[in-house]
């Protein structure tokens, strides 16, 4: 019973202390105009395919996502990206 109470107390502290998080905490978020200038591509779309690659040393090379572009502002010239 004591361990259950300790677990519930720990869980409550974790939920109350939760903050917003971003995918990459190393890059601060700037103004929209600045981010548009820095980005290679800016578009809205829908995921149409997810390709999983064999394990590699690069974390970002393991998954490839294909998007169907609905609207492009910069860098997405085709119908898919």
C-alpha atoms as a PDB file:
ATOM      1  CA  UNK A   1       0.000   0.000   0.000  1.00  0.00           C
ATOM      2  CA  UNK A   2       2.870   2.353   0.816  1.00  0.00           C
ATOM      3  CA  UNK A   3       4.509   1.726  -2.576  1.00  0.00           C
ATOM      4  CA  UNK A   4       1.202   2.418  -4.366  1.00  0.00           C
ATOM      5  CA  UNK A   5       0.845   5.726  -2.529  1.00  0.00           C
ATOM      6  CA  UNK A   6       4.445   6.641  -3.386  1.00  0.00           C
ATOM      7  CA  UNK A   7       3.828   5.814  -7.045  1.00  0.00           C
ATOM      8  CA  UNK A   8       0.647   7.930  -7.176  1.00  0.00           C
ATOM      9  CA  UNK A   9       2.421  10.847  -5.512  1.00  0.00           C
ATOM     10  CA  UNK A  10       5.310  10.619  -7.990  1.00  0.00           C
ATOM     11  CA  UNK A  11       2.881  10.431 -10.927  1.00  0.00           C
ATOM     12  CA  UNK A  12       1.019  13.517  -9.655  1.00  0.00           C
ATOM     13  CA  UNK A  13       4.267  15.502  -9.384  1.00  0.00           C
ATOM     14  CA  UNK A  14       5.271  14.465 -12.908  1.00  0.00           C
ATOM     15  CA  UNK A  15       1.941  15.556 -14.395  1.00  0.00           C
ATOM     16  CA  UNK A  16       1.862  18.876 -12.543  1.00  0.00           C
ATOM     17  CA  UNK A  17       5.425  19.677 -13.532  1.00  0.00           C
ATOM     18  CA  UNK A  18       4.972  18.908 -17.228  1.00  0.00           C
ATOM     19  CA  UNK A  19       5.907  21.667 -19.650  1.00  0.00           C
ATOM     20  CA  UNK A  20       5.526  22.185 -23.378  1.00  0.00           C
ATOM     21  CA  UNK A  21       8.298  20.600 -25.381  1.00  0.00           C
ATOM     22  CA  UNK A  22       9.580  20.904 -28.909  1.00  0.00           C
ATOM     23  CA  UNK A  23      11.074  18.267 -31.186  1.00  0.00           C
ATOM     24  CA  UNK A  24      14.467  19.931 -31.044  1.00  0.00           C
ATOM     25  CA  UNK A  25      15.253  21.808 -27.874  1.00  0.00           C
ATOM     26  CA  UNK A  26      18.611  22.951 -29.220  1.00  0.00           C
ATOM     27  CA  UNK A  27      17.021  25.336 -31.738  1.00  0.00           C
ATOM     28  CA  UNK A  28      15.121  28.306 -30.297  1.00  0.00           C
ATOM     29  CA  UNK A  29      11.933  29.249 -32.103  1.00  0.00           C
ATOM     30  CA  UNK A  30      12.090  32.613 -33.866  1.00  0.00           C
ATOM     31  CA  UNK A  31       9.494  34.834 -35.480  1.00  0.00           C
ATOM     32  CA  UNK A  32       7.507  33.326 -38.362  1.00  0.00           C
ATOM     33  CA  UNK A  33       9.193  35.568 -40.955  1.00  0.00           C
ATOM     34  CA  UNK A  34      12.653  34.564 -39.696  1.00  0.00           C
ATOM     35  CA  UNK A  35      11.790  30.860 -39.708  1.00  0.00           C
ATOM     36  CA  UNK A  36      10.363  31.143 -43.254  1.00  0.00           C
ATOM     37  CA  UNK A  37      13.624  32.701 -44.410  1.00  0.00           C
ATOM     38  CA  UNK A  38      15.756  29.978 -42.764  1.00  0.00           C
ATOM     39  CA  UNK A  39      13.699  26.949 -43.828  1.00  0.00           C
ATOM     40  CA  UNK A  40      14.515  25.003 -46.981  1.00  0.00           C
ATOM     41  CA  UNK A  41      10.841  24.089 -47.472  1.00  0.00           C
ATOM     42  CA  UNK A  42       7.564  25.292 -45.978  1.00  0.00           C
ATOM     43  CA  UNK A  43       4.355  23.506 -46.923  1.00  0.00           C
ATOM     44  CA  UNK A  44       1.208  21.899 -45.583  1.00  0.00           C
ATOM     45  CA  UNK A  45       0.251  18.410 -46.615  1.00  0.00           C
ATOM     46  CA  UNK A  46      -0.740  14.892 -45.685  1.00  0.00           C
ATOM     47  CA  UNK A  47       1.481  11.898 -44.975  1.00  0.00           C
ATOM     48  CA  UNK A  48       0.954   9.304 -47.721  1.00  0.00           C
ATOM     49  CA  UNK A  49       3.804   6.889 -46.995  1.00  0.00           C
ATOM     50  CA  UNK A  50       6.285   6.092 -44.240  1.00  0.00           C
ATOM     51  CA  UNK A  51       9.383   4.127 -45.253  1.00  0.00           C
ATOM     52  CA  UNK A  52      11.498   2.523 -42.537  1.00  0.00           C
ATOM     53  CA  UNK A  53      15.175   1.980 -43.359  1.00  0.00           C
ATOM     54  CA  UNK A  54      17.670  -0.366 -41.747  1.00  0.00           C
ATOM     55  CA  UNK A  55      19.401   0.815 -38.605  1.00  0.00           C
ATOM     56  CA  UNK A  56      22.148   3.310 -39.276  1.00  0.00           C
ATOM     57  CA  UNK A  57      24.328   5.615 -37.256  1.00  0.00           C
ATOM     58  CA  UNK A  58      22.186   8.593 -38.245  1.00  0.00           C
ATOM     59  CA  UNK A  59      18.954   8.870 -36.250  1.00  0.00           C
ATOM     60  CA  UNK A  60      17.230  10.864 -39.019  1.00  0.00           C
ATOM     61  CA  UNK A  61      18.153   8.421 -41.808  1.00  0.00           C
ATOM     62  CA  UNK A  62      16.063   5.578 -40.351  1.00  0.00           C
ATOM     63  CA  UNK A  63      12.652   6.888 -41.452  1.00  0.00           C
ATOM     64  CA  UNK A  64      11.586   8.578 -44.681  1.00  0.00           C
ATOM     65  CA  UNK A  65       8.172  10.259 -44.827  1.00  0.00           C
ATOM     66  CA  UNK A  66       6.429  11.117 -48.109  1.00  0.00           C
ATOM     67  CA  UNK A  67       3.906  13.983 -48.053  1.00  0.00           C
ATOM     68  CA  UNK A  68       1.188  14.935 -50.546  1.00  0.00           C
ATOM     69  CA  UNK A  69       1.535  18.724 -50.753  1.00  0.00           C
ATOM     70  CA  UNK A  70      -1.692  20.680 -50.297  1.00  0.00           C
ATOM     71  CA  UNK A  71      -0.172  24.167 -50.188  1.00  0.00           C
ATOM     72  CA  UNK A  72       3.446  25.258 -50.613  1.00  0.00           C
ATOM     73  CA  UNK A  73       4.993  28.534 -49.518  1.00  0.00           C
ATOM     74  CA  UNK A  74       8.613  27.682 -50.228  1.00  0.00           C
ATOM     75  CA  UNK A  75      10.759  24.855 -51.581  1.00  0.00           C
ATOM     76  CA  UNK A  76       8.076  22.240 -52.296  1.00  0.00           C
ATOM     77  CA  UNK A  77       7.645  22.497 -56.058  1.00  0.00           C
ATOM     78  CA  UNK A  78       6.112  19.076 -56.754  1.00  0.00           C
ATOM     79  CA  UNK A  79       2.909  17.377 -55.682  1.00  0.00           C
ATOM     80  CA  UNK A  80       4.809  15.142 -53.296  1.00  0.00           C
ATOM     81  CA  UNK A  81       7.785  15.791 -51.018  1.00  0.00           C
END
